[in-house]
Amino acid sequence: MAPHPLIDKEAPSFTLLDANGESFKFPPEEGGKRVNKPIAVFFYPQSGTFGCTREACQFRDALAENEIFKRSNVQVIGISADPVEKQKSFVQKNRLSFPVLSDQDHVAHKAFQVGRGMFGLTDARTTFVIDNGGIVRGVLSATMNYNAHAKFVTRELEKIQESQKKTGEQLGEGAGEQQQARPVTPEAPASSPERDELGRAANVVSA
C-alpha cells in the first residue's frame, strides 16, 4: 500500500466544534503560537459503538498511564462525524480527558484525506501522529482493528523522541568540533624597540 500523501508534510488546519459546542482551532495554540508538542489525531467511525468506545478509552488511559504519552505531553484529539450533542454524551459517559470534535460536514476528514472503511460503509478509522513542528510523521488506517491505534501512537512517539535525541547529540558534537577547530592565535612578534634591545645585548655578549 502506498504511503499516505500527508506523510512528511505539514498537517492541514481546520476549525470544528468540540463536545461543548465551542470552536476548536487546529492546530491548537497557546499564547498565539502553535503548541510545541506532538499531536495525535484519531478519526473514528461513530461515537458510542463498541470499537470506538474501546479506542477512545485506550487513548484516555494512555494519557494517564503510558510513560511516553506523559513524557512527550502529546495532545490527543478525537474526531468523528457525530453531532455535538452526541459527542458531549460520549465524552461525559466515558470521562474522556481530551477534545472530541464534531465533523458533520467532513471538513477535517477531507483535509486529512480520510477515506471510507468496511467496504465503504463507514468513515475509516485513521490515526495521524504529528511532531512538534507540525509535520505528519505517521499514519495508521485500520478500521476493524480499534486496539491498534493507541499502540501505534506509542511507537510513533518513541520514534519522534529518538529522532529529537539524535538531533540534539549531533548539534552538541558539531559545537564541540567547532570549538576544537578554533585556530590558536600565535603570540605577537616582539616590537621593533624590543628587537633592537635584544640585538644590542647579543653584541655585548659576543664582544
C-alpha atoms as a PDB file:
ATOM      1  CA  MET A   1       0.000   0.000   0.000  1.00  0.00           C
ATOM      2  CA  ALA A   2       1.296   3.463  -0.911  1.00  0.00           C
ATOM      3  CA  PRO A   3       2.109   5.798   1.991  1.00  0.00           C
ATOM      4  CA  HIS A   4      -0.487   8.383   2.923  1.00  0.00           C
ATOM      5  CA  PRO A   5       0.008  11.585   0.879  1.00  0.00           C
ATOM      6  CA  LEU A   6       0.370  13.700   4.035  1.00  0.00           C
ATOM      7  CA  ILE A   7       3.411  11.809   5.342  1.00  0.00           C
ATOM      8  CA  ASP A   8       6.319  14.260   5.933  1.00  0.00           C
ATOM      9  CA  LYS A   9       4.077  17.193   5.077  1.00  0.00           C
ATOM     10  CA  GLU A  10       2.576  19.911   7.241  1.00  0.00           C
ATOM     11  CA  ALA A  11      -0.699  18.925   8.867  1.00  0.00           C
ATOM     12  CA  PRO A  12      -3.743  20.755   7.452  1.00  0.00           C
ATOM     13  CA  SER A  13      -5.552  23.365   9.503  1.00  0.00           C
ATOM     14  CA  PHE A  14      -9.275  23.445  10.253  1.00  0.00           C
ATOM     15  CA  THR A  15     -11.838  24.673  12.769  1.00  0.00           C
ATOM     16  CA  LEU A  16     -14.596  22.468  14.234  1.00  0.00           C
ATOM     17  CA  LEU A  17     -16.947  22.448  17.202  1.00  0.00           C
ATOM     18  CA  ASP A  18     -15.926  20.456  20.249  1.00  0.00           C
ATOM     19  CA  ALA A  19     -18.208  18.468  22.577  1.00  0.00           C
ATOM     20  CA  ASN A  20     -19.220  21.677  24.370  1.00  0.00           C
ATOM     21  CA  GLY A  21     -20.217  23.421  21.149  1.00  0.00           C
ATOM     22  CA  GLU A  22     -17.187  25.698  21.296  1.00  0.00           C
ATOM     23  CA  SER A  23     -14.943  26.456  18.348  1.00  0.00           C
ATOM     24  CA  PHE A  24     -11.735  24.415  18.267  1.00  0.00           C
ATOM     25  CA  LYS A  25      -8.929  25.583  16.021  1.00  0.00           C
ATOM     26  CA  PHE A  26      -6.400  23.106  14.647  1.00  0.00           C
ATOM     27  CA  PRO A  27      -3.508  23.112  15.108  1.00  0.00           C
ATOM     28  CA  PRO A  28      -4.142  24.170  18.714  1.00  0.00           C
ATOM     29  CA  GLU A  29      -2.360  27.242  20.003  1.00  0.00           C
ATOM     30  CA  GLU A  30      -1.039  28.545  23.299  1.00  0.00           C
ATOM     31  CA  GLY A  31      -0.285  32.231  23.664  1.00  0.00           C
ATOM     32  CA  GLY A  32      -0.960  32.860  19.989  1.00  0.00           C
ATOM     33  CA  LYS A  33       1.599  30.238  18.882  1.00  0.00           C
ATOM     34  CA  ARG A  34       1.241  26.627  17.797  1.00  0.00           C
ATOM     35  CA  VAL A  35       1.678  24.254  20.718  1.00  0.00           C
ATOM     36  CA  ASN A  36       5.216  22.914  20.888  1.00  0.00           C
ATOM     37  CA  LYS A  37       4.352  19.255  21.399  1.00  0.00           C
ATOM     38  CA  PRO A  38       3.342  16.241  19.332  1.00  0.00           C
ATOM     39  CA  ILE A  39      -0.307  15.727  18.411  1.00  0.00           C
ATOM     40  CA  ALA A  40      -2.235  12.514  17.819  1.00  0.00           C
ATOM     41  CA  VAL A  41      -5.441  12.959  15.813  1.00  0.00           C
ATOM     42  CA  PHE A  42      -7.644   9.892  15.576  1.00  0.00           C
ATOM     43  CA  PHE A  43     -10.620   9.776  13.232  1.00  0.00           C
ATOM     44  CA  TYR A  44     -13.164   7.118  14.176  1.00  0.00           C
ATOM     45  CA  PRO A  45     -16.465   5.974  12.611  1.00  0.00           C
ATOM     46  CA  GLN A  46     -19.103   6.588  15.280  1.00  0.00           C
ATOM     47  CA  SER A  47     -19.315   7.648  18.921  1.00  0.00           C
ATOM     48  CA  GLY A  48     -20.892   5.147  21.278  1.00  0.00           C
ATOM     49  CA  THR A  49     -20.188   1.997  19.283  1.00  0.00           C
ATOM     50  CA  PHE A  50     -18.215  -0.768  20.968  1.00  0.00           C
ATOM     51  CA  GLY A  51     -14.998  -0.431  18.968  1.00  0.00           C
ATOM     52  CA  CYS A  52     -14.918   3.363  19.020  1.00  0.00           C
ATOM     53  CA  THR A  53     -15.600   3.444  22.749  1.00  0.00           C
ATOM     54  CA  ARG A  54     -12.760   0.993  23.372  1.00  0.00           C
ATOM     55  CA  GLU A  55     -10.409   3.030  21.193  1.00  0.00           C
ATOM     56  CA  ALA A  56     -11.247   6.340  22.889  1.00  0.00           C
ATOM     57  CA  CYS A  57     -10.863   4.804  26.354  1.00  0.00           C
ATOM     58  CA  GLN A  58      -7.480   3.362  25.400  1.00  0.00           C
ATOM     59  CA  PHE A  59      -6.294   6.859  24.485  1.00  0.00           C
ATOM     60  CA  ARG A  60      -7.745   8.190  27.756  1.00  0.00           C
ATOM     61  CA  ASP A  61      -5.874   5.548  29.754  1.00  0.00           C
ATOM     62  CA  ALA A  62      -2.644   6.058  27.790  1.00  0.00           C
ATOM     63  CA  LEU A  63      -2.645   9.758  28.650  1.00  0.00           C
ATOM     64  CA  ALA A  64      -2.857   8.863  32.325  1.00  0.00           C
ATOM     65  CA  GLU A  65      -0.614   5.796  32.442  1.00  0.00           C
ATOM     66  CA  ASN A  66       1.656   5.476  29.406  1.00  0.00           C
ATOM     67  CA  GLU A  67       5.135   6.896  30.093  1.00  0.00           C
ATOM     68  CA  ILE A  68       5.834   8.085  26.541  1.00  0.00           C
ATOM     69  CA  PHE A  69       2.423   9.793  26.385  1.00  0.00           C
ATOM     70  CA  LYS A  70       3.162  11.619  29.650  1.00  0.00           C
ATOM     71  CA  ARG A  71       6.798  12.391  28.867  1.00  0.00           C
ATOM     72  CA  SER A  72       6.063  13.807  25.412  1.00  0.00           C
ATOM     73  CA  ASN A  73       3.000  15.762  26.634  1.00  0.00           C
ATOM     74  CA  VAL A  74       1.201  14.644  23.474  1.00  0.00           C
ATOM     75  CA  GLN A  75      -2.122  16.318  22.624  1.00  0.00           C
ATOM     76  CA  VAL A  76      -4.758  13.716  21.700  1.00  0.00           C
ATOM     77  CA  ILE A  77      -7.773  14.764  19.611  1.00  0.00           C
ATOM     78  CA  GLY A  78     -10.687  12.568  18.559  1.00  0.00           C
ATOM     79  CA  ILE A  79     -12.854  13.349  15.513  1.00  0.00           C
ATOM     80  CA  SER A  80     -15.993  11.777  14.078  1.00  0.00           C
ATOM     81  CA  ALA A  81     -18.997  12.900  12.034  1.00  0.00           C
ATOM     82  CA  ASP A  82     -21.347  12.748  15.041  1.00  0.00           C
ATOM     83  CA  PRO A  83     -23.229  15.895  16.119  1.00  0.00           C
ATOM     84  CA  VAL A  84     -22.102  17.987  19.092  1.00  0.00           C
ATOM     85  CA  GLU A  85     -24.798  16.604  21.420  1.00  0.00           C
ATOM     86  CA  LYS A  86     -23.671  13.038  20.834  1.00  0.00           C
ATOM     87  CA  GLN A  87     -20.024  13.963  21.295  1.00  0.00           C
ATOM     88  CA  LYS A  88     -20.827  15.593  24.629  1.00  0.00           C
ATOM     89  CA  SER A  89     -22.619  12.482  25.858  1.00  0.00           C
ATOM     90  CA  PHE A  90     -19.730  10.318  24.609  1.00  0.00           C
ATOM     91  CA  VAL A  91     -17.155  12.417  26.455  1.00  0.00           C
ATOM     92  CA  GLN A  92     -19.124  12.557  29.691  1.00  0.00           C
ATOM     93  CA  LYS A  93     -20.077   8.894  29.785  1.00  0.00           C
ATOM     94  CA  ASN A  94     -16.505   7.724  29.224  1.00  0.00           C
ATOM     95  CA  ARG A  95     -14.800  10.543  31.124  1.00  0.00           C
ATOM     96  CA  LEU A  96     -12.588  11.385  28.187  1.00  0.00           C
ATOM     97  CA  SER A  97      -9.747  13.748  29.023  1.00  0.00           C
ATOM     98  CA  PHE A  98      -9.108  15.092  25.514  1.00  0.00           C
ATOM     99  CA  PRO A  99     -11.047  17.138  22.930  1.00  0.00           C
ATOM    100  CA  VAL A 100     -13.605  15.251  20.838  1.00  0.00           C
ATOM    101  CA  LEU A 101     -14.694  17.196  17.768  1.00  0.00           C
ATOM    102  CA  SER A 102     -17.801  17.099  15.591  1.00  0.00           C
ATOM    103  CA  ASP A 103     -17.128  16.953  11.848  1.00  0.00           C
ATOM    104  CA  GLN A 104     -20.603  16.540  10.378  1.00  0.00           C
ATOM    105  CA  ASP A 105     -19.596  18.222   7.114  1.00  0.00           C
ATOM    106  CA  HIS A 106     -16.382  16.163   6.852  1.00  0.00           C
ATOM    107  CA  VAL A 107     -14.214  19.283   6.765  1.00  0.00           C
ATOM    108  CA  ALA A 108     -11.339  17.688   8.681  1.00  0.00           C
ATOM    109  CA  HIS A 109     -11.896  14.293   7.041  1.00  0.00           C
ATOM    110  CA  LYS A 110     -11.374  15.863   3.621  1.00  0.00           C
ATOM    111  CA  ALA A 111      -8.413  17.976   4.746  1.00  0.00           C
ATOM    112  CA  PHE A 112      -6.655  14.885   6.115  1.00  0.00           C
ATOM    113  CA  GLN A 113      -7.794  12.734   3.191  1.00  0.00           C
ATOM    114  CA  VAL A 114      -9.522  10.180   5.409  1.00  0.00           C
ATOM    115  CA  GLY A 115     -11.288   7.626   3.237  1.00  0.00           C
ATOM    116  CA  ARG A 116     -14.005   5.066   3.833  1.00  0.00           C
ATOM    117  CA  GLY A 117     -13.750   1.772   5.678  1.00  0.00           C
ATOM    118  CA  MET A 118     -15.654  -1.508   5.892  1.00  0.00           C
ATOM    119  CA  PHE A 119     -16.205  -1.683   2.124  1.00  0.00           C
ATOM    120  CA  GLY A 120     -17.306   1.945   2.024  1.00  0.00           C
ATOM    121  CA  LEU A 121     -19.994   1.584   4.698  1.00  0.00           C
ATOM    122  CA  THR A 122     -18.405   3.963   7.204  1.00  0.00           C
ATOM    123  CA  ASP A 123     -15.656   6.536   7.688  1.00  0.00           C
ATOM    124  CA  ALA A 124     -12.262   4.896   8.032  1.00  0.00           C
ATOM    125  CA  ARG A 125     -10.619   4.617  11.433  1.00  0.00           C
ATOM    126  CA  THR A 126      -7.425   6.569  10.813  1.00  0.00           C
ATOM    127  CA  THR A 127      -4.845   7.986  13.202  1.00  0.00           C
ATOM    128  CA  PHE A 128      -2.257  10.670  12.457  1.00  0.00           C
ATOM    129  CA  VAL A 129       0.825  11.436  14.548  1.00  0.00           C
ATOM    130  CA  ILE A 130       2.215  14.941  14.108  1.00  0.00           C
ATOM    131  CA  ASP A 131       5.557  16.078  15.503  1.00  0.00           C
ATOM    132  CA  ASN A 132       6.400  19.241  17.444  1.00  0.00           C
ATOM    133  CA  GLY A 133       6.957  21.147  14.231  1.00  0.00           C
ATOM    134  CA  GLY A 134       3.549  20.330  12.762  1.00  0.00           C
ATOM    135  CA  ILE A 135       4.775  17.658  10.313  1.00  0.00           C
ATOM    136  CA  VAL A 136       2.816  14.421   9.847  1.00  0.00           C
ATOM    137  CA  ARG A 137       5.186  11.588  10.773  1.00  0.00           C
ATOM    138  CA  GLY A 138       2.923   8.554  10.915  1.00  0.00           C
ATOM    139  CA  VAL A 139      -0.498   7.421   9.660  1.00  0.00           C
ATOM    140  CA  LEU A 140      -2.420   4.262  10.508  1.00  0.00           C
ATOM    141  CA  SER A 141      -5.659   3.324   8.741  1.00  0.00           C
ATOM    142  CA  ALA A 142      -7.198   0.242  10.366  1.00  0.00           C
ATOM    143  CA  THR A 143     -10.964   0.449  10.644  1.00  0.00           C
ATOM    144  CA  MET A 144     -11.529  -3.008  12.104  1.00  0.00           C
ATOM    145  CA  ASN A 145      -8.553  -3.059  14.467  1.00  0.00           C
ATOM    146  CA  TYR A 146      -9.546  -0.469  17.063  1.00  0.00           C
ATOM    147  CA  ASN A 147      -6.946  -1.844  19.503  1.00  0.00           C
ATOM    148  CA  ALA A 148      -4.038  -0.929  17.244  1.00  0.00           C
ATOM    149  CA  HIS A 149      -4.268   2.849  17.320  1.00  0.00           C
ATOM    150  CA  ALA A 150      -3.082   3.797  20.813  1.00  0.00           C
ATOM    151  CA  LYS A 151      -0.222   1.297  20.394  1.00  0.00           C
ATOM    152  CA  PHE A 152       0.625   2.869  17.051  1.00  0.00           C
ATOM    153  CA  VAL A 153       0.848   6.328  18.646  1.00  0.00           C
ATOM    154  CA  THR A 154       3.124   4.917  21.347  1.00  0.00           C
ATOM    155  CA  ARG A 155       5.565   3.643  18.725  1.00  0.00           C
ATOM    156  CA  GLU A 156       5.476   6.869  16.734  1.00  0.00           C
ATOM    157  CA  LEU A 157       6.094   8.994  19.830  1.00  0.00           C
ATOM    158  CA  GLU A 158       9.113   6.852  20.655  1.00  0.00           C
ATOM    159  CA  LYS A 159      10.440   7.416  17.120  1.00  0.00           C
ATOM    160  CA  ILE A 160       9.945  11.172  17.417  1.00  0.00           C
ATOM    161  CA  GLN A 161      11.688  11.273  20.784  1.00  0.00           C
ATOM    162  CA  GLU A 162      14.608   9.206  19.471  1.00  0.00           C
ATOM    163  CA  SER A 163      14.930  11.493  16.448  1.00  0.00           C
ATOM    164  CA  GLN A 164      14.968  14.565  18.678  1.00  0.00           C
ATOM    165  CA  LYS A 165      17.612  12.951  20.880  1.00  0.00           C
ATOM    166  CA  LYS A 166      19.862  12.206  17.893  1.00  0.00           C
ATOM    167  CA  THR A 167      19.430  15.732  16.572  1.00  0.00           C
ATOM    168  CA  GLY A 168      20.426  17.138  19.944  1.00  0.00           C
ATOM    169  CA  GLU A 169      23.522  14.917  20.089  1.00  0.00           C
ATOM    170  CA  GLN A 170      24.562  15.920  16.570  1.00  0.00           C
ATOM    171  CA  LEU A 171      24.195  19.604  17.424  1.00  0.00           C
ATOM    172  CA  GLY A 172      26.294  19.074  20.516  1.00  0.00           C
ATOM    173  CA  GLU A 173      29.004  17.238  18.572  1.00  0.00           C
ATOM    174  CA  GLY A 174      29.048  19.969  15.927  1.00  0.00           C
ATOM    175  CA  ALA A 175      29.573  22.647  18.547  1.00  0.00           C
ATOM    176  CA  GLY A 176      32.440  20.614  20.047  1.00  0.00           C
ATOM    177  CA  GLU A 177      34.122  20.211  16.672  1.00  0.00           C
ATOM    178  CA  GLN A 178      33.877  23.923  16.017  1.00  0.00           C
ATOM    179  CA  GLN A 179      35.421  24.642  19.384  1.00  0.00           C
ATOM    180  CA  GLN A 180      38.286  22.177  18.780  1.00  0.00           C
ATOM    181  CA  ALA A 181      38.887  23.539  15.285  1.00  0.00           C
ATOM    182  CA  ARG A 182      39.217  27.108  16.501  1.00  0.00           C
ATOM    183  CA  PRO A 183      42.722  28.290  15.407  1.00  0.00           C
ATOM    184  CA  VAL A 184      45.215  29.122  18.091  1.00  0.00           C
ATOM    185  CA  THR A 185      46.294  32.739  17.817  1.00  0.00           C
ATOM    186  CA  PRO A 186      50.094  32.884  17.623  1.00  0.00           C
ATOM    187  CA  GLU A 187      51.935  35.136  20.005  1.00  0.00           C
ATOM    188  CA  ALA A 188      52.587  38.508  18.566  1.00  0.00           C
ATOM    189  CA  PRO A 189      56.167  39.093  17.476  1.00  0.00           C
ATOM    190  CA  ALA A 190      58.273  41.400  19.570  1.00  0.00           C
ATOM    191  CA  SER A 191      58.056  45.076  18.696  1.00  0.00           C
ATOM    192  CA  SER A 192      60.860  46.872  16.931  1.00  0.00           C
ATOM    193  CA  PRO A 193      62.279  48.532  20.101  1.00  0.00           C
ATOM    194  CA  GLU A 194      62.349  45.105  21.772  1.00  0.00           C
ATOM    195  CA  ARG A 195      64.208  43.578  18.809  1.00  0.00           C
ATOM    196  CA  ASP A 196      66.787  46.418  18.901  1.00  0.00           C
ATOM    197  CA  GLU A 197      67.397  45.911  22.605  1.00  0.00           C
ATOM    198  CA  LEU A 198      67.867  42.180  22.149  1.00  0.00           C
ATOM    199  CA  GLY A 199      70.321  42.834  19.315  1.00  0.00           C
ATOM    200  CA  ARG A 200      72.435  45.179  21.435  1.00  0.00           C
ATOM    201  CA  ALA A 201      72.514  42.643  24.249  1.00  0.00           C
ATOM    202  CA  ALA A 202      73.697  39.946  21.854  1.00  0.00           C
ATOM    203  CA  ASN A 203      76.527  42.184  20.573  1.00  0.00           C
ATOM    204  CA  VAL A 204      77.736  42.868  24.096  1.00  0.00           C
ATOM    205  CA  VAL A 205      77.849  39.165  24.924  1.00  0.00           C
ATOM    206  CA  SER A 206      79.747  38.289  21.760  1.00  0.00           C
ATOM    207  CA  ALA A 207      82.288  41.084  22.405  1.00  0.00           C
END
